[in-house]
Amino acid sequence: MARERDDNLMSKLRQLSEDGLASFFNEVMTNDKMRSSFGRAGERFMANKQTFDRNVEQMLDFVNIPSKRDVRDLKTRLDHLSSQILNLSIKLDRLLDTDETRIESKPVARRTAQSKKSSRS
């Protein structure tokens, strides 16, 4: 019973907050001055975030800890090197396969050439 009351109370609060937010944003969007103020606040927020990110990256660099960008760049380089190693491995396997077929075919050719020489003698 108490759980139902709590659920009802939470759903009423959620509805009120959704309605309140919707009416607030409707009011902001209709008022030009408020809309431009929110736009400037958003722009300042993004500029501050970029400055903060740059400062954190410099601090991490100062204490010799890689940033997300450093780790991402390193992973990209490692992926590239890994693909190059895979390509080289495939090429090496092909070369070894062709060398094995040449080695296997040469003794047969030598035997036939030797048998032809001995039959001529």
C-alpha atoms as a PDB file:
ATOM      1  CA  MET A   1       0.000   0.000   0.000  1.00  0.00           C
ATOM      2  CA  ALA A   2       2.781   2.400   0.935  1.00  0.00           C
ATOM      3  CA  ARG A   3       4.634   1.399  -2.224  1.00  0.00           C
ATOM      4  CA  GLU A   4       1.646   2.381  -4.365  1.00  0.00           C
ATOM      5  CA  ARG A   5       1.475   5.777  -2.703  1.00  0.00           C
ATOM      6  CA  ASP A   6       5.197   6.275  -3.283  1.00  0.00           C
ATOM      7  CA  ASP A   7       4.845   5.283  -6.943  1.00  0.00           C
ATOM      8  CA  ASN A   8       1.853   7.598  -7.377  1.00  0.00           C
ATOM      9  CA  LEU A   9       3.712  10.437  -5.696  1.00  0.00           C
ATOM     10  CA  MET A  10       6.780   9.887  -7.894  1.00  0.00           C
ATOM     11  CA  SER A  11       4.675   9.768 -11.054  1.00  0.00           C
ATOM     12  CA  LYS A  12       2.896  13.001 -10.029  1.00  0.00           C
ATOM     13  CA  LEU A  13       6.236  14.692  -9.337  1.00  0.00           C
ATOM     14  CA  ARG A  14       7.602  13.465 -12.657  1.00  0.00           C
ATOM     15  CA  GLN A  15       4.534  14.784 -14.485  1.00  0.00           C
ATOM     16  CA  LEU A  16       4.821  18.156 -12.736  1.00  0.00           C
ATOM     17  CA  SER A  17       8.511  18.432 -13.561  1.00  0.00           C
ATOM     18  CA  GLU A  18       7.909  17.507 -17.214  1.00  0.00           C
ATOM     19  CA  ASP A  19       5.071  20.004 -17.475  1.00  0.00           C
ATOM     20  CA  GLY A  20       7.132  22.640 -15.676  1.00  0.00           C
ATOM     21  CA  LEU A  21      10.111  22.153 -17.979  1.00  0.00           C
ATOM     22  CA  ALA A  22       7.917  22.217 -21.059  1.00  0.00           C
ATOM     23  CA  SER A  23       6.230  25.452 -20.016  1.00  0.00           C
ATOM     24  CA  PHE A  24       9.591  26.999 -19.061  1.00  0.00           C
ATOM     25  CA  PHE A  25      11.144  26.214 -22.428  1.00  0.00           C
ATOM     26  CA  ASN A  26       8.020  27.388 -24.254  1.00  0.00           C
ATOM     27  CA  GLU A  27       8.262  30.704 -22.421  1.00  0.00           C
ATOM     28  CA  VAL A  28      11.992  30.991 -23.158  1.00  0.00           C
ATOM     29  CA  MET A  29      11.510  30.276 -26.856  1.00  0.00           C
ATOM     30  CA  THR A  30       8.775  32.886 -27.235  1.00  0.00           C
ATOM     31  CA  ASN A  31      10.783  35.637 -25.541  1.00  0.00           C
ATOM     32  CA  ASP A  32      13.527  36.950 -27.877  1.00  0.00           C
ATOM     33  CA  LYS A  33      15.610  38.422 -25.098  1.00  0.00           C
ATOM     34  CA  MET A  34      15.566  35.172 -23.092  1.00  0.00           C
ATOM     35  CA  ARG A  35      16.318  33.128 -26.215  1.00  0.00           C
ATOM     36  CA  SER A  36      19.356  35.256 -27.085  1.00  0.00           C
ATOM     37  CA  SER A  37      20.527  35.137 -23.456  1.00  0.00           C
ATOM     38  CA  PHE A  38      20.331  31.343 -23.459  1.00  0.00           C
ATOM     39  CA  GLY A  39      22.170  31.269 -26.778  1.00  0.00           C
ATOM     40  CA  ARG A  40      25.003  33.398 -25.419  1.00  0.00           C
ATOM     41  CA  ALA A  41      25.127  31.292 -22.257  1.00  0.00           C
ATOM     42  CA  GLY A  42      25.423  28.151 -24.388  1.00  0.00           C
ATOM     43  CA  GLU A  43      28.203  29.682 -26.456  1.00  0.00           C
ATOM     44  CA  ARG A  44      30.088  30.744 -23.309  1.00  0.00           C
ATOM     45  CA  PHE A  45      29.598  27.287 -21.848  1.00  0.00           C
ATOM     46  CA  MET A  46      31.100  25.641 -24.944  1.00  0.00           C
ATOM     47  CA  ALA A  47      34.032  28.095 -24.971  1.00  0.00           C
ATOM     48  CA  ASN A  48      34.668  27.399 -21.278  1.00  0.00           C
ATOM     49  CA  LYS A  49      34.462  23.669 -21.881  1.00  0.00           C
ATOM     50  CA  GLN A  50      37.027  23.891 -24.689  1.00  0.00           C
ATOM     51  CA  THR A  51      39.338  25.948 -22.480  1.00  0.00           C
ATOM     52  CA  PHE A  52      38.895  23.483 -19.630  1.00  0.00           C
ATOM     53  CA  ASP A  53      39.602  20.512 -21.916  1.00  0.00           C
ATOM     54  CA  ARG A  54      42.734  22.207 -23.266  1.00  0.00           C
ATOM     55  CA  ASN A  55      43.944  22.989 -19.728  1.00  0.00           C
ATOM     56  CA  VAL A  56      43.328  19.415 -18.567  1.00  0.00           C
ATOM     57  CA  GLU A  57      45.196  18.081 -21.596  1.00  0.00           C
ATOM     58  CA  GLN A  58      48.161  20.390 -20.861  1.00  0.00           C
ATOM     59  CA  MET A  59      48.166  19.320 -17.216  1.00  0.00           C
ATOM     60  CA  LEU A  60      48.105  15.648 -18.173  1.00  0.00           C
ATOM     61  CA  ASP A  61      50.953  16.285 -20.595  1.00  0.00           C
ATOM     62  CA  PHE A  62      52.880  18.065 -17.852  1.00  0.00           C
ATOM     63  CA  VAL A  63      52.633  15.068 -15.505  1.00  0.00           C
ATOM     64  CA  ASN A  64      53.318  12.708 -18.425  1.00  0.00           C
ATOM     65  CA  ILE A  65      49.893  11.034 -18.514  1.00  0.00           C
ATOM     66  CA  PRO A  66      48.457  10.423 -21.981  1.00  0.00           C
ATOM     67  CA  SER A  67      45.202  12.119 -22.861  1.00  0.00           C
ATOM     68  CA  LYS A  68      42.266  10.460 -24.635  1.00  0.00           C
ATOM     69  CA  ARG A  69      43.495  11.929 -27.891  1.00  0.00           C
ATOM     70  CA  ASP A  70      46.990  10.474 -27.330  1.00  0.00           C
ATOM     71  CA  VAL A  71      45.539   7.036 -26.596  1.00  0.00           C
ATOM     72  CA  ARG A  72      43.232   7.273 -29.632  1.00  0.00           C
ATOM     73  CA  ASP A  73      46.149   8.287 -31.904  1.00  0.00           C
ATOM     74  CA  LEU A  74      48.295   5.479 -30.535  1.00  0.00           C
ATOM     75  CA  LYS A  75      45.510   2.949 -31.098  1.00  0.00           C
ATOM     76  CA  THR A  76      45.145   4.154 -34.687  1.00  0.00           C
ATOM     77  CA  ARG A  77      48.874   3.737 -35.269  1.00  0.00           C
ATOM     78  CA  LEU A  78      48.847   0.278 -33.669  1.00  0.00           C
ATOM     79  CA  ASP A  79      45.900  -0.795 -35.824  1.00  0.00           C
ATOM     80  CA  HIS A  80      47.756   0.394 -38.927  1.00  0.00           C
ATOM     81  CA  LEU A  81      50.924  -1.473 -37.932  1.00  0.00           C
ATOM     82  CA  SER A  82      48.918  -4.579 -37.122  1.00  0.00           C
ATOM     83  CA  SER A  83      47.329  -4.550 -40.573  1.00  0.00           C
ATOM     84  CA  GLN A  84      50.752  -4.098 -42.180  1.00  0.00           C
ATOM     85  CA  ILE A  85      52.101  -7.079 -40.235  1.00  0.00           C
ATOM     86  CA  LEU A  86      49.124  -9.148 -41.326  1.00  0.00           C
ATOM     87  CA  ASN A  87      49.720  -8.187 -44.979  1.00  0.00           C
ATOM     88  CA  LEU A  88      53.405  -9.071 -44.691  1.00  0.00           C
ATOM     89  CA  SER A  89      52.523 -12.396 -43.110  1.00  0.00           C
ATOM     90  CA  ILE A  90      50.152 -13.206 -45.968  1.00  0.00           C
ATOM     91  CA  LYS A  91      52.801 -12.271 -48.548  1.00  0.00           C
ATOM     92  CA  LEU A  92      55.417 -14.368 -46.748  1.00  0.00           C
ATOM     93  CA  ASP A  93      53.081 -17.363 -46.677  1.00  0.00           C
ATOM     94  CA  ARG A  94      52.503 -16.994 -50.420  1.00  0.00           C
ATOM     95  CA  LEU A  95      56.236 -16.779 -51.094  1.00  0.00           C
ATOM     96  CA  LEU A  96      56.905 -19.845 -48.993  1.00  0.00           C
ATOM     97  CA  ASP A  97      54.138 -21.751 -50.776  1.00  0.00           C
ATOM     98  CA  THR A  98      55.561 -20.866 -54.213  1.00  0.00           C
ATOM     99  CA  ASP A  99      59.090 -21.784 -53.073  1.00  0.00           C
ATOM    100  CA  GLU A 100      57.854 -25.151 -51.788  1.00  0.00           C
ATOM    101  CA  THR A 101      56.156 -25.923 -55.098  1.00  0.00           C
ATOM    102  CA  ARG A 102      59.334 -24.941 -56.973  1.00  0.00           C
ATOM    103  CA  ILE A 103      61.470 -27.152 -54.745  1.00  0.00           C
ATOM    104  CA  GLU A 104      59.055 -30.058 -55.146  1.00  0.00           C
ATOM    105  CA  SER A 105      58.929 -29.676 -58.926  1.00  0.00           C
ATOM    106  CA  LYS A 106      62.715 -29.285 -59.444  1.00  0.00           C
ATOM    107  CA  PRO A 107      63.807 -32.769 -58.297  1.00  0.00           C
ATOM    108  CA  VAL A 108      61.281 -34.342 -60.657  1.00  0.00           C
ATOM    109  CA  ALA A 109      62.620 -32.241 -63.506  1.00  0.00           C
ATOM    110  CA  ARG A 110      66.184 -33.194 -62.597  1.00  0.00           C
ATOM    111  CA  ARG A 111      65.301 -36.885 -62.460  1.00  0.00           C
ATOM    112  CA  THR A 112      63.712 -36.776 -65.877  1.00  0.00           C
ATOM    113  CA  ALA A 113      66.705 -34.867 -67.239  1.00  0.00           C
ATOM    114  CA  GLN A 114      69.091 -37.365 -65.631  1.00  0.00           C
ATOM    115  CA  SER A 115      67.116 -40.321 -66.968  1.00  0.00           C
ATOM    116  CA  LYS A 116      67.211 -38.811 -70.460  1.00  0.00           C
ATOM    117  CA  LYS A 117      71.014 -38.384 -70.214  1.00  0.00           C
ATOM    118  CA  SER A 118      71.538 -41.939 -69.013  1.00  0.00           C
ATOM    119  CA  SER A 119      69.301 -43.352 -71.744  1.00  0.00           C
ATOM    120  CA  ARG A 120      71.329 -41.477 -74.385  1.00  0.00           C
ATOM    121  CA  SER A 121      74.589 -42.872 -73.117  1.00  0.00           C
END
